[in-house]
Protein backbone atom coordinates (compact mmCIF):
# COMPACT_ATOMS: atom_id res chain seq x y z
CA MET A 1 -69.86 24.98 1.10
CA CYS A 2 -69.03 21.84 3.06
CA CYS A 3 -68.68 18.70 0.98
CA PHE A 4 -70.48 16.55 3.58
CA GLN A 5 -74.01 15.82 4.57
CA ASN A 6 -75.03 16.95 8.04
CA ARG A 7 -74.40 13.94 10.27
CA GLU A 8 -75.35 15.57 13.58
CA SER A 9 -78.48 13.44 13.69
CA MET A 10 -76.66 10.17 13.05
CA SER A 11 -76.80 7.77 15.96
CA HIS A 12 -73.73 6.48 17.76
CA ASP A 13 -74.62 2.95 16.63
CA HIS A 14 -74.85 4.11 13.00
CA LEU A 15 -71.39 5.62 13.19
CA MET A 16 -70.03 2.46 14.73
CA ASP A 17 -71.58 0.37 11.95
CA MET A 18 -69.55 2.23 9.31
CA GLU A 19 -66.95 -0.20 8.07
CA PHE A 20 -63.47 1.19 7.51
CA GLY A 21 -62.12 -1.76 5.57
CA GLY A 22 -61.26 -1.29 1.94
CA GLU A 23 -63.54 1.65 1.21
CA MET A 24 -60.94 4.24 2.11
CA MET A 25 -58.43 2.58 -0.17
CA GLU A 26 -60.79 3.09 -3.13
CA ILE A 27 -60.42 6.87 -3.05
CA ASP A 28 -59.13 8.12 -6.40
CA ASP A 29 -55.38 8.58 -6.63
CA ASP A 30 -55.92 12.19 -7.64
CA GLU A 31 -57.88 12.85 -4.46
CA MET A 32 -55.24 11.32 -2.22
CA ALA A 33 -52.31 12.87 -4.09
CA TYR A 34 -52.27 15.76 -1.64
CA HIS A 35 -50.04 13.80 0.72
CA GLN A 36 -47.54 13.19 -2.06
CA GLU A 37 -47.62 16.66 -3.59
CA PRO A 38 -47.98 19.19 -0.73
CA GLU A 39 -48.02 22.11 -3.14
CA ARG A 40 -51.44 20.96 -4.31
CA ILE A 41 -52.96 21.46 -0.87
CA SER A 42 -55.70 24.04 -0.77
CA ASN A 43 -58.85 24.73 1.19
CA LYS A 44 -60.78 22.66 -1.34
CA THR A 45 -58.48 19.70 -1.87
CA ALA A 46 -57.40 19.00 1.70
CA MET A 47 -59.40 19.66 4.84
CA ARG A 48 -62.71 20.01 3.05
CA MET A 49 -62.38 16.33 2.21
CA PHE A 50 -63.15 15.67 5.89
CA GLU A 51 -65.89 16.54 8.35
CA VAL A 52 -64.84 16.46 11.99
CA LEU A 53 -67.30 14.48 14.11
CA LYS A 54 -65.67 14.48 17.52
CA ILE A 55 -62.59 15.65 19.41
CA LEU A 56 -60.97 12.52 20.80
CA GLY A 57 -58.18 14.20 22.73
CA VAL A 58 -55.96 17.21 23.15
CA GLY A 59 -52.24 16.84 23.87
CA SER A 60 -49.27 19.14 24.20
CA LYS A 61 -47.99 18.23 20.73
CA ALA A 62 -51.00 16.83 18.91
CA ASN A 63 -54.78 16.98 18.87
CA VAL A 64 -56.82 14.01 17.73
CA LYS A 65 -60.13 14.17 15.92
CA LEU A 66 -62.62 11.63 14.68
CA ALA A 67 -63.64 12.57 11.16
CA VAL A 68 -65.44 11.24 8.12
CA HIS A 69 -64.07 11.41 4.60
CA LYS A 70 -66.41 12.41 1.78
CA SER A 71 -66.50 8.71 0.80
CA ASP A 72 -68.30 8.13 4.15
CA CYS A 73 -65.31 6.34 5.68
CA VAL A 74 -64.53 7.18 9.30
CA VAL A 75 -60.88 8.11 9.99
CA VAL A 76 -58.73 9.68 12.69
CA LEU A 77 -56.99 13.00 12.06
CA LYS A 78 -53.90 13.59 14.17
CA GLU A 79 -53.26 17.33 14.07
CA ILE A 80 -49.69 18.42 14.82
CA THR A 81 -49.88 21.44 17.11
CA ASP A 82 -46.30 21.68 18.40
CA GLN A 83 -44.68 24.72 16.79
CA GLY A 84 -41.27 23.06 16.42
CA LEU A 85 -42.75 19.97 14.76
CA ARG A 86 -44.84 22.08 12.39
CA ARG A 87 -41.62 23.35 10.81
CA ILE A 88 -40.69 19.79 9.83
CA PRO A 89 -42.11 18.49 6.51
CA ILE A 90 -45.01 16.22 7.44
CA ARG A 91 -43.55 13.17 5.70
CA GLU A 92 -40.32 13.64 7.63
CA LEU A 93 -42.05 13.45 11.00
CA ASN A 94 -40.99 10.38 12.93
CA GLU A 95 -44.41 8.75 13.11
CA CYS A 96 -45.34 9.43 9.49
CA LYS A 97 -41.99 8.30 8.12
CA ASN A 98 -41.96 5.05 10.07
CA LEU A 99 -45.60 4.18 9.40
CA LEU A 100 -45.04 4.62 5.67
CA GLU A 101 -42.48 1.81 5.84
CA ILE A 102 -44.91 -0.74 7.25
CA ASP A 103 -47.88 -2.44 5.64
CA HIS A 104 -49.05 -5.09 8.08
CA GLU A 105 -52.45 -6.05 9.45
CA ASN A 106 -51.22 -5.71 13.05
CA VAL A 107 -49.84 -2.17 12.68
CA ILE A 108 -52.15 0.82 12.28
CA LYS A 109 -52.38 2.09 8.71
CA ILE A 110 -51.52 5.60 7.67
CA ILE A 111 -53.83 6.67 4.87
CA GLY A 112 -52.31 10.01 4.06
CA SER A 113 -50.89 13.24 5.38
CA ILE A 114 -51.83 16.87 4.97
CA ALA A 115 -48.99 19.34 4.81
CA PHE A 116 -48.66 22.73 6.49
CA THR A 117 -49.49 25.45 3.93
CA LYS A 118 -50.89 28.96 3.88
CA PHE A 119 -54.30 27.39 3.28
CA ASN A 120 -54.00 24.76 6.00
CA ARG A 121 -52.52 26.07 9.22
CA SER A 122 -51.86 22.67 10.84
CA PRO A 123 -50.35 19.51 9.34
CA PHE A 124 -52.31 16.29 9.87
CA LEU A 125 -51.77 12.57 9.73
CA VAL A 126 -54.78 10.65 8.42
CA LEU A 127 -55.02 7.28 10.19
CA GLU A 128 -57.46 4.41 10.11
CA PHE A 129 -60.09 4.51 12.84
CA LEU A 130 -59.94 1.68 15.38
CA HIS A 131 -62.73 1.08 17.85
CA MET A 132 -61.07 0.69 21.24
CA ASP A 133 -57.78 0.21 23.02
CA LEU A 134 -56.48 -2.55 25.25
CA GLU A 135 -56.58 -0.39 28.36
CA ALA A 136 -60.37 -0.14 28.00
CA MET A 137 -60.47 -3.90 27.59
CA ILE A 138 -58.46 -4.58 30.74
CA TYR A 139 -60.19 -2.12 33.05
CA GLY A 140 -63.64 -2.02 31.46
CA GLY A 141 -64.95 -4.86 33.58
CA GLY A 142 -65.67 -7.24 30.73
CA ARG A 143 -64.61 -10.85 30.58
CA TYR A 144 -61.98 -12.36 28.35
CA THR A 145 -60.60 -15.88 28.18
CA VAL A 146 -57.19 -17.47 27.92
CA GLU A 147 -57.88 -17.94 24.20
CA ASP A 148 -58.60 -14.21 23.85
CA ILE A 149 -55.33 -13.32 25.60
CA LYS A 150 -53.42 -15.75 23.41
CA THR A 151 -54.86 -14.20 20.25
CA MET A 152 -54.11 -10.63 21.32
CA PHE A 153 -50.61 -11.69 22.45
CA PHE A 154 -50.04 -13.29 19.03
CA HIS A 155 -51.19 -10.15 17.22
CA MET A 156 -48.85 -7.97 19.33
CA LEU A 157 -45.89 -10.15 18.45
CA LYS A 158 -46.77 -10.25 14.73
CA GLY A 159 -46.98 -6.47 14.60
CA LEU A 160 -43.71 -6.08 16.48
CA ASP A 161 -42.01 -8.66 14.27
CA ALA A 162 -43.09 -6.67 11.20
CA MET A 163 -41.58 -3.52 12.73
CA ASN A 164 -38.36 -5.30 13.68
CA LYS A 165 -37.95 -6.61 10.13
CA LYS A 166 -37.95 -2.98 9.00
CA GLY A 167 -35.35 -2.12 11.63
CA LEU A 168 -37.89 -0.24 13.74
CA VAL A 169 -38.26 -0.11 17.52
CA HIS A 170 -41.58 1.16 18.90
CA GLY A 171 -40.17 2.54 22.15
CA ASN A 172 -43.50 3.15 23.90
CA LEU A 173 -45.63 0.01 23.90
CA GLN A 174 -48.41 0.09 26.50
CA PRO A 175 -52.08 -1.01 26.57
CA CYS A 176 -53.44 2.33 25.33
CA HIS A 177 -51.24 2.06 22.23
CA LEU A 178 -52.66 -1.33 21.26
CA LEU A 179 -55.95 -0.83 19.43
CA LEU A 180 -58.67 -3.20 18.28
CA SER A 181 -60.53 -2.96 14.99
CA ASN A 182 -64.24 -3.66 14.72
CA THR A 183 -63.28 -7.09 13.33
CA GLY A 184 -61.22 -7.94 16.40
CA ILE A 185 -57.73 -7.46 14.96
CA LEU A 186 -55.23 -5.95 17.41
CA LYS A 187 -52.92 -3.31 15.94
CA ILE A 188 -49.87 -1.48 17.26
CA ALA A 189 -50.42 2.28 17.16
CA ASP A 190 -48.77 5.57 18.11
CA LEU A 191 -45.30 5.33 16.61
CA SER A 192 -44.47 8.88 17.70
CA LEU A 193 -41.53 7.69 19.83
CA SER A 194 -40.41 4.97 17.41
CA TYR A 195 -37.01 5.06 15.82
CA LYS A 196 -35.04 3.22 13.19
CA LEU A 197 -31.92 1.35 14.18
CA PRO A 198 -28.81 2.62 12.37
CA ILE A 199 -27.41 0.28 9.72
CA ASN A 200 -23.94 0.60 11.25
CA GLY A 201 -25.15 -1.04 14.46
CA GLU A 202 -24.63 2.01 16.63
CA ALA A 203 -27.26 2.85 19.24
CA PRO A 204 -29.64 5.58 18.02
CA GLU A 205 -30.13 8.79 19.91
CA ILE A 206 -33.19 8.44 22.14
CA LYS A 207 -34.78 11.85 22.61
CA GLU A 208 -37.69 10.74 24.76
CA LEU A 209 -38.43 7.60 26.77
CA GLY A 210 -41.65 5.61 26.77
CA ALA A 211 -44.06 5.06 29.66
CA LEU A 212 -42.23 4.29 32.91
CA HIS A 213 -44.26 1.22 33.94
CA TYR A 214 -43.45 -0.61 30.68
CA ARG A 215 -39.82 0.47 30.44
CA ALA A 216 -37.22 -2.30 30.28
CA PRO A 217 -34.72 -2.46 33.19
CA GLU A 218 -31.75 -1.82 30.91
CA ILE A 219 -33.35 1.44 29.75
CA LEU A 220 -33.83 2.45 33.39
CA ILE A 221 -30.08 2.20 33.97
CA GLY A 222 -29.11 3.83 30.65
CA ASP A 223 -28.03 0.72 28.72
CA VAL A 224 -29.23 0.98 25.12
CA GLU A 225 -27.16 -1.74 23.49
CA ASN A 226 -30.06 -4.07 22.63
CA LEU A 227 -33.04 -1.85 21.94
CA VAL A 228 -35.02 -4.45 19.98
CA LYS A 229 -35.49 -6.48 23.16
CA THR A 230 -36.89 -3.48 25.08
CA ASP A 231 -40.18 -3.77 23.19
CA ILE A 232 -40.30 -7.47 24.10
CA TRP A 233 -40.11 -6.51 27.80
CA SER A 234 -43.00 -4.09 27.30
CA ILE A 235 -45.16 -6.78 25.70
CA GLY A 236 -44.37 -9.08 28.65
CA CYS A 237 -45.61 -6.38 31.03
CA ILE A 238 -48.76 -5.91 28.97
CA VAL A 239 -49.56 -9.63 28.91
CA ALA A 240 -49.01 -9.79 32.69
CA GLU A 241 -51.43 -6.85 33.02
CA LEU A 242 -54.00 -8.72 30.94
CA ILE A 243 -53.65 -11.68 33.28
CA LEU A 244 -53.74 -9.76 36.56
CA ARG A 245 -55.84 -6.74 35.49
CA ARG A 246 -53.27 -4.53 37.13
CA LYS A 247 -49.78 -3.30 36.30
CA ILE A 248 -47.12 -5.70 37.47
CA PHE A 249 -44.50 -2.96 38.08
CA GLU A 250 -45.86 0.42 39.15
CA GLY A 251 -43.06 2.58 40.51
CA GLU A 252 -43.43 6.32 41.02
CA ASN A 253 -40.01 7.10 39.54
CA GLU A 254 -37.15 5.37 37.71
CA ASN A 255 -35.33 4.31 40.90
CA GLU A 256 -38.44 2.79 42.45
CA GLN A 257 -39.39 1.12 39.18
CA HIS A 258 -35.96 -0.49 38.91
CA ARG A 259 -36.10 -1.59 42.56
CA LEU A 260 -39.52 -3.23 42.06
CA ILE A 261 -38.25 -5.12 39.03
CA GLN A 262 -35.19 -6.36 40.91
CA GLU A 263 -37.22 -7.43 43.94
CA VAL A 264 -39.80 -9.34 41.94
CA ALA A 265 -37.67 -10.77 39.14
CA PHE A 266 -35.20 -12.46 41.50
CA SER A 267 -37.82 -14.07 43.71
CA GLY A 268 -40.51 -16.70 43.42
CA VAL A 269 -43.13 -13.97 43.58
CA PHE A 270 -42.81 -13.28 39.87
CA ARG A 271 -43.97 -16.69 38.69
CA ILE A 272 -46.48 -17.12 41.51
CA SER A 273 -48.12 -13.76 40.82
CA LEU A 274 -48.72 -14.81 37.22
CA GLY A 275 -50.28 -18.09 38.32
CA ASN A 276 -53.72 -16.57 37.83
CA PRO A 277 -56.52 -19.13 37.29
CA LEU A 278 -57.24 -17.36 34.02
CA LEU A 279 -54.01 -18.75 32.58
CA CYS A 280 -53.66 -22.12 34.26
CA GLY A 281 -51.04 -23.52 31.95
CA ARG A 282 -47.30 -23.82 32.22
CA ASP A 283 -46.72 -22.73 28.63
CA ALA A 284 -48.65 -19.50 29.12
CA ILE A 285 -46.87 -18.53 32.32
CA ASP A 286 -43.45 -19.54 30.98
CA MET A 287 -44.10 -17.42 27.91
CA ALA A 288 -44.97 -14.29 29.87
CA VAL A 289 -42.03 -14.74 32.23
CA SER A 290 -39.55 -15.31 29.37
CA LEU A 291 -40.43 -11.96 27.84
CA MET A 292 -39.66 -10.23 31.13
CA ASN A 293 -36.22 -11.73 31.67
CA VAL A 294 -34.05 -9.01 33.24
CA ASP A 295 -31.23 -10.06 30.90
CA PRO A 296 -32.22 -8.80 27.43
CA GLU A 297 -29.98 -11.40 25.77
CA GLN A 298 -32.17 -14.11 27.32
CA ARG A 299 -35.43 -12.67 26.03
CA PRO A 300 -36.75 -14.15 22.77
CA THR A 301 -37.15 -12.00 19.70
CA ALA A 302 -40.70 -11.45 18.44
CA SER A 303 -40.04 -14.00 15.70
CA GLU A 304 -38.80 -16.59 18.19
CA ALA A 305 -41.74 -16.00 20.52
CA LEU A 306 -44.20 -16.50 17.66
CA ASN A 307 -42.87 -20.03 17.26
CA SER A 308 -43.70 -20.95 20.85
CA ALA A 309 -45.61 -24.20 21.32
CA TRP A 310 -48.28 -22.24 23.20
CA PHE A 311 -49.43 -20.61 19.96
CA GLN A 312 -49.85 -23.92 18.16
CA GLU A 313 -53.17 -24.80 19.83
CA ASN A 314 -56.50 -23.01 20.32
CA LEU A 315 -55.40 -19.86 18.52
CA GLN A 316 -58.35 -17.74 17.39
CA PRO A 317 -58.02 -15.59 14.24
CA ASP A 318 -59.44 -12.53 16.03
CA VAL A 319 -61.25 -11.28 19.14
CA SER A 320 -64.29 -9.75 17.44
CA ASN A 321 -66.44 -11.12 20.26
CA LEU A 322 -64.64 -8.80 22.71
CA VAL A 323 -65.19 -5.71 20.57
CA GLU A 324 -68.93 -6.46 20.53
CA THR A 325 -68.96 -7.01 24.30
CA HIS A 326 -67.09 -3.75 24.98
CA SER A 327 -69.03 -1.71 22.41
CA GLY A 328 -69.60 1.10 24.91
CA LYS A 329 -65.82 1.68 25.05
CA ARG A 330 -65.27 1.85 21.32
CA TYR A 331 -64.40 5.51 21.15
CA LYS A 332 -61.68 5.16 23.76
CA SER A 333 -58.47 5.59 21.82
CA ALA A 334 -54.97 6.80 22.49
CA PHE A 335 -53.76 9.01 19.68
CA ILE A 336 -53.14 11.92 22.05
CA GLU A 337 -49.63 10.86 22.92
CA GLU A 338 -46.94 13.36 22.05
CA VAL A 339 -45.35 13.21 18.63
CA VAL A 340 -41.56 13.27 18.42
């Protein structure tokens, strides 16, 4: 018998009112031990702890489901469907392994993992549920201010700085991988293409590249000497997209993407195009442009960018007002990216 009440009759608003917060963290250690001791997984101790409410997306390597734990906390289940990946121990999967290294308010939290066993035919990651992504914010038609952009920008950099301090590169930052909690905290998500930089300083093997329109120019030409700064470029592109409500570089292939970057970056068009009335301040425009310097050595690190004078004034703690305004987009989320 299912461990959950029938929630079919629950309203959308009721589901959205369910706080994630600390409730999930109060689950007994014994109940959550399944992700530490895979041999304990069974039909009763694993998947029956969750009731699936909604299919959020289906991808070639992972399916994503909105679910509720028996404690009444809403979570996201990322089901690994790729046959090759299912042979890898769940805690050795790239995304799981890297998320377990980070505990930061601006990086999505992994709550647990469910191993592949004879009782459970698919391994799962259990992730905190976040209400909407930045892509929905940009193209949803709602309004946001320069203060809102500054706050989200600051959160991006804090999350990236936390990753960098663990030697991690995200490798696929884009608006749909930046999610907002119901309290207005922006969090970096989908670490499926992330990788850890080798201690010996050698460039890691990159098996798959991130989204073309946010890819740094050095990656486009095969230079992987300074991978930490490639995420900085991506954040610059995302901030420009927040300003303009359109992608700043939108090539159809790698050659065209590189050509567009070269044409814009070495002309006055770059700075002028960012002179949107929404961000009528030299500090703001200088900040966005500095992150998209074609020379990675000239880009600031996340830590350096966080110390910019622009962040010293009118910085809001969160953008909870935007989550309320865009409540109709809350279910839009981007966990369907492929897992590597």
